[in-house]
Amino acid sequence: MPLIIASHDSLPYIDSPAPQTGPHSLSAARNLIASALPPSHLATPHPSLPPLPTSNLTPLAQAEQSRIANKEPLNAIDTSRYELPDLSSTAPATKTQLQQAYISSHYLRERLQQLALLDEFGKNAWLVGNAQLEEILRGVEKELVDMRESVEGVNRERKERQEAARGEMEGLDNGWRVGVGRVVEIEVEVGNVEEKRRRVLREGASAGG
């Protein structure tokens, strides 16, 4: 899963959209940035992120995770011991068959007892469990509503601050543009003066020769 999902502009409420003309479009700029990034930048953690905590899983838990990752079946319980033995044969039962029959009988007796308990108390336990889950759900929904209100409040305050600074930002932006324009004009004039100086030097050299 990529670690970098999306990027957000710093002043989305007052920034003017980038011009969508030719190579100067916003998409072209983003593609240029993406081309300069390493291929693994979406999956490699950023150097400023703290290191991941070390795993405290037991060897048994790690083995189970490996089994799940490899999609291997779970063979932790041998169910054959709970199956009824084959009674179709007329030969005398062996000790192993008698043990299997005893285990199956004990298992079925315990299962009947558990089913009787479930029939007697299962409904109430199910209702109590549902009530507890509903209480948990109400708490989670309340936290969600509070979080949404908090996020809306932050966005509202952010928008108000940006709108309040709109005039100053536009003034600074216009001043920067005017300053850059003047620098360009000065550089052009300096180039013209330098060209005139060279021409005068060439003409003086020609007249002296």
Protein backbone atom coordinates (compact mmCIF):
# COMPACT_ATOMS: atom_id res chain seq x y z
CA MET A 1 0.00 0.00 0.00
CA PRO A 2 1.49 3.42 -0.89
CA LEU A 3 2.58 5.52 2.07
CA ILE A 4 2.00 8.76 0.17
CA ILE A 5 -1.68 8.86 -0.78
CA ALA A 6 -2.11 12.52 -1.78
CA SER A 7 -0.65 15.96 -1.23
CA HIS A 8 -2.59 19.04 -0.11
CA ASP A 9 -1.83 22.60 -1.08
CA SER A 10 -0.90 24.86 1.81
CA LEU A 11 -3.37 27.64 0.94
CA PRO A 12 -6.24 25.95 -0.94
CA TYR A 13 -8.78 28.70 -0.15
CA ILE A 14 -6.88 31.71 -1.52
CA ASP A 15 -4.29 30.32 -3.94
CA SER A 16 -5.13 30.96 -7.55
CA PRO A 17 -5.19 27.85 -9.76
CA ALA A 18 -2.13 27.14 -11.82
CA PRO A 19 -2.38 27.99 -15.53
CA GLN A 20 -3.44 25.03 -17.63
CA THR A 21 -1.45 25.93 -20.76
CA GLY A 22 1.01 23.58 -22.36
CA PRO A 23 3.95 22.30 -20.33
CA HIS A 24 3.25 24.83 -17.54
CA SER A 25 0.12 23.05 -16.38
CA LEU A 26 -0.19 21.68 -12.88
CA SER A 27 -0.30 18.09 -14.11
CA ALA A 28 2.92 18.61 -16.05
CA ALA A 29 4.58 20.01 -12.92
CA ARG A 30 3.45 17.05 -10.85
CA ASN A 31 4.69 14.63 -13.50
CA LEU A 32 8.04 16.40 -13.50
CA ILE A 33 8.26 16.06 -9.71
CA ALA A 34 7.26 12.40 -9.87
CA SER A 35 9.92 11.69 -12.49
CA ALA A 36 12.60 13.06 -10.15
CA LEU A 37 11.54 10.82 -7.27
CA PRO A 38 12.96 7.31 -6.83
CA PRO A 39 10.71 4.45 -7.97
CA SER A 40 10.29 3.20 -4.38
CA HIS A 41 9.15 6.52 -2.90
CA LEU A 42 5.56 5.30 -2.54
CA ALA A 43 6.51 2.25 -0.47
CA THR A 44 9.70 3.32 1.31
CA PRO A 45 9.15 5.12 4.64
CA HIS A 46 10.33 8.70 4.75
CA PRO A 47 13.61 9.21 6.65
CA SER A 48 11.89 11.61 9.07
CA LEU A 49 9.44 8.93 10.20
CA PRO A 50 10.30 7.11 13.44
CA PRO A 51 11.37 3.48 13.09
CA LEU A 52 8.72 0.81 13.39
CA PRO A 53 8.47 -0.90 16.79
CA THR A 54 10.05 -4.30 17.07
CA SER A 55 7.76 -7.30 16.91
CA ASN A 56 6.95 -8.95 20.23
CA LEU A 57 5.15 -11.92 18.73
CA THR A 58 5.91 -15.36 20.08
CA PRO A 59 7.36 -17.98 17.74
CA LEU A 60 3.95 -19.67 17.68
CA ALA A 61 2.22 -16.45 16.59
CA GLN A 62 4.88 -15.83 13.94
CA ALA A 63 4.42 -19.36 12.63
CA GLU A 64 0.66 -18.78 12.44
CA GLN A 65 1.18 -15.53 10.53
CA SER A 66 3.45 -17.33 8.09
CA ARG A 67 0.82 -20.05 7.64
CA ILE A 68 -1.86 -17.46 6.89
CA ALA A 69 0.44 -15.56 4.51
CA ASN A 70 1.19 -18.78 2.63
CA LYS A 71 -2.53 -19.72 2.61
CA GLU A 72 -1.83 -23.09 4.15
CA PRO A 73 -4.71 -25.03 5.76
CA LEU A 74 -4.99 -25.25 9.53
CA ASN A 75 -4.28 -28.76 10.78
CA ALA A 76 -4.06 -28.04 14.49
CA ILE A 77 -6.89 -30.38 15.58
CA ASP A 78 -7.16 -34.01 14.61
CA THR A 79 -10.90 -34.52 14.10
CA SER A 80 -10.59 -38.20 13.27
CA ARG A 81 -10.58 -39.10 16.96
CA TYR A 82 -14.13 -37.77 17.27
CA GLU A 83 -15.46 -39.81 14.36
CA LEU A 84 -17.41 -42.99 14.97
CA PRO A 85 -15.40 -46.17 14.33
CA ASP A 86 -16.26 -48.46 11.46
CA LEU A 87 -18.69 -51.05 12.90
CA SER A 88 -19.40 -52.83 9.63
CA SER A 89 -16.77 -55.47 10.30
CA THR A 90 -17.81 -58.60 12.27
CA ALA A 91 -14.34 -59.03 13.74
CA PRO A 92 -13.93 -58.41 17.49
CA ALA A 93 -13.24 -54.80 18.39
CA THR A 94 -9.63 -53.98 19.15
CA LYS A 95 -8.41 -51.85 22.02
CA THR A 96 -7.86 -48.89 19.69
CA GLN A 97 -11.43 -49.10 18.35
CA LEU A 98 -12.78 -49.27 21.88
CA GLN A 99 -10.81 -46.17 22.80
CA GLN A 100 -12.13 -44.33 19.75
CA ALA A 101 -15.67 -45.39 20.61
CA TYR A 102 -15.23 -44.15 24.18
CA ILE A 103 -13.85 -40.80 22.97
CA SER A 104 -16.72 -40.39 20.49
CA SER A 105 -19.28 -41.25 23.16
CA HIS A 106 -17.77 -38.77 25.60
CA TYR A 107 -17.61 -36.10 22.92
CA LEU A 108 -21.25 -36.61 21.90
CA ARG A 109 -22.40 -36.57 25.53
CA GLU A 110 -20.58 -33.29 26.18
CA ARG A 111 -21.96 -31.87 22.97
CA LEU A 112 -25.53 -32.72 23.97
CA GLN A 113 -24.95 -31.08 27.33
CA GLN A 114 -23.61 -27.93 25.67
CA LEU A 115 -26.55 -27.84 23.25
CA ALA A 116 -28.96 -28.13 26.18
CA LEU A 117 -27.23 -25.23 27.96
CA LEU A 118 -27.30 -23.21 24.75
CA ASP A 119 -31.02 -23.89 24.35
CA GLU A 120 -31.67 -22.78 27.94
CA PHE A 121 -29.38 -19.78 28.29
CA GLY A 122 -28.31 -18.96 24.73
CA LYS A 123 -31.14 -16.54 23.99
CA ASN A 124 -30.45 -14.37 27.04
CA ALA A 125 -26.70 -14.43 26.39
CA TRP A 126 -27.34 -13.42 22.78
CA LEU A 127 -29.57 -10.52 23.84
CA VAL A 128 -27.06 -9.35 26.43
CA GLY A 129 -24.27 -9.53 23.86
CA ASN A 130 -26.34 -7.53 21.38
CA ALA A 131 -27.06 -4.90 24.02
CA GLN A 132 -23.35 -4.59 24.80
CA LEU A 133 -22.49 -4.30 21.11
CA GLU A 134 -25.15 -1.63 20.65
CA GLU A 135 -23.69 0.33 23.56
CA ILE A 136 -20.22 0.08 22.01
CA LEU A 137 -21.64 1.15 18.64
CA ARG A 138 -23.29 4.21 20.16
CA GLY A 139 -20.02 5.20 21.79
CA VAL A 140 -18.10 4.80 18.53
CA GLU A 141 -20.74 6.79 16.61
CA LYS A 142 -20.54 9.58 19.19
CA GLU A 143 -16.74 9.65 18.83
CA LEU A 144 -17.17 9.81 15.05
CA VAL A 145 -19.58 12.75 15.32
CA ASP A 146 -17.24 14.57 17.70
CA MET A 147 -14.29 13.96 15.40
CA ARG A 148 -16.20 15.23 12.37
CA GLU A 149 -17.20 18.38 14.27
CA SER A 150 -13.59 18.87 15.32
CA VAL A 151 -12.34 18.47 11.75
CA GLU A 152 -15.00 20.88 10.46
CA GLY A 153 -14.01 23.38 13.12
CA VAL A 154 -10.34 23.14 12.13
CA ASN A 155 -11.19 23.57 8.45
CA ARG A 156 -13.49 26.49 9.25
CA GLU A 157 -10.81 28.23 11.30
CA ARG A 158 -8.24 27.50 8.61
CA LYS A 159 -10.45 29.05 5.95
CA GLU A 160 -11.14 32.14 8.09
CA ARG A 161 -7.43 32.70 8.70
CA GLN A 162 -6.60 32.29 5.03
CA GLU A 163 -9.41 34.64 4.00
CA ALA A 164 -8.16 37.18 6.54
CA ALA A 165 -4.66 36.97 5.04
CA ARG A 166 -5.88 37.09 1.44
CA GLY A 167 -5.21 40.83 1.00
CA GLU A 168 -1.72 40.62 2.46
CA MET A 169 -0.87 37.55 0.38
CA GLU A 170 -2.13 39.17 -2.82
CA GLY A 171 -0.15 42.31 -2.04
CA LEU A 172 3.01 40.31 -1.45
CA ASP A 173 2.40 38.31 -4.61
CA ASN A 174 1.89 41.42 -6.70
CA GLY A 175 4.95 43.03 -5.13
CA TRP A 176 7.00 39.95 -5.93
CA ARG A 177 5.82 39.96 -9.53
CA VAL A 178 6.59 43.67 -9.89
CA GLY A 179 10.01 43.13 -8.34
CA VAL A 180 10.80 40.25 -10.67
CA GLY A 181 9.65 42.35 -13.62
CA ARG A 182 11.92 45.20 -12.59
CA VAL A 183 14.85 42.84 -12.17
CA VAL A 184 14.25 41.54 -15.69
CA GLU A 185 14.03 45.10 -17.04
CA ILE A 186 17.29 46.03 -15.30
CA GLU A 187 19.01 42.96 -16.70
CA VAL A 188 17.78 43.89 -20.19
CA GLU A 189 19.08 47.46 -19.79
CA VAL A 190 22.38 46.16 -18.45
CA GLY A 191 22.64 43.92 -21.51
CA ASN A 192 21.92 46.89 -23.79
CA VAL A 193 24.51 49.07 -22.07
CA GLU A 194 27.06 46.28 -22.28
CA GLU A 195 26.36 45.86 -25.97
CA LYS A 196 26.74 49.64 -26.55
CA ARG A 197 30.03 49.62 -24.64
CA ARG A 198 31.36 46.81 -26.76
CA ARG A 199 30.26 48.58 -29.92
CA VAL A 200 32.00 51.78 -28.85
CA LEU A 201 35.15 49.82 -28.04
CA ARG A 202 35.06 48.13 -31.43
CA GLU A 203 34.52 51.45 -33.23
CA GLY A 204 37.39 53.05 -31.27
CA ALA A 205 39.64 50.15 -32.09
CA SER A 206 38.73 50.39 -35.78
CA ALA A 207 39.33 54.18 -35.88
CA GLY A 208 42.70 53.84 -34.12
CA GLY A 209 43.85 51.14 -36.50
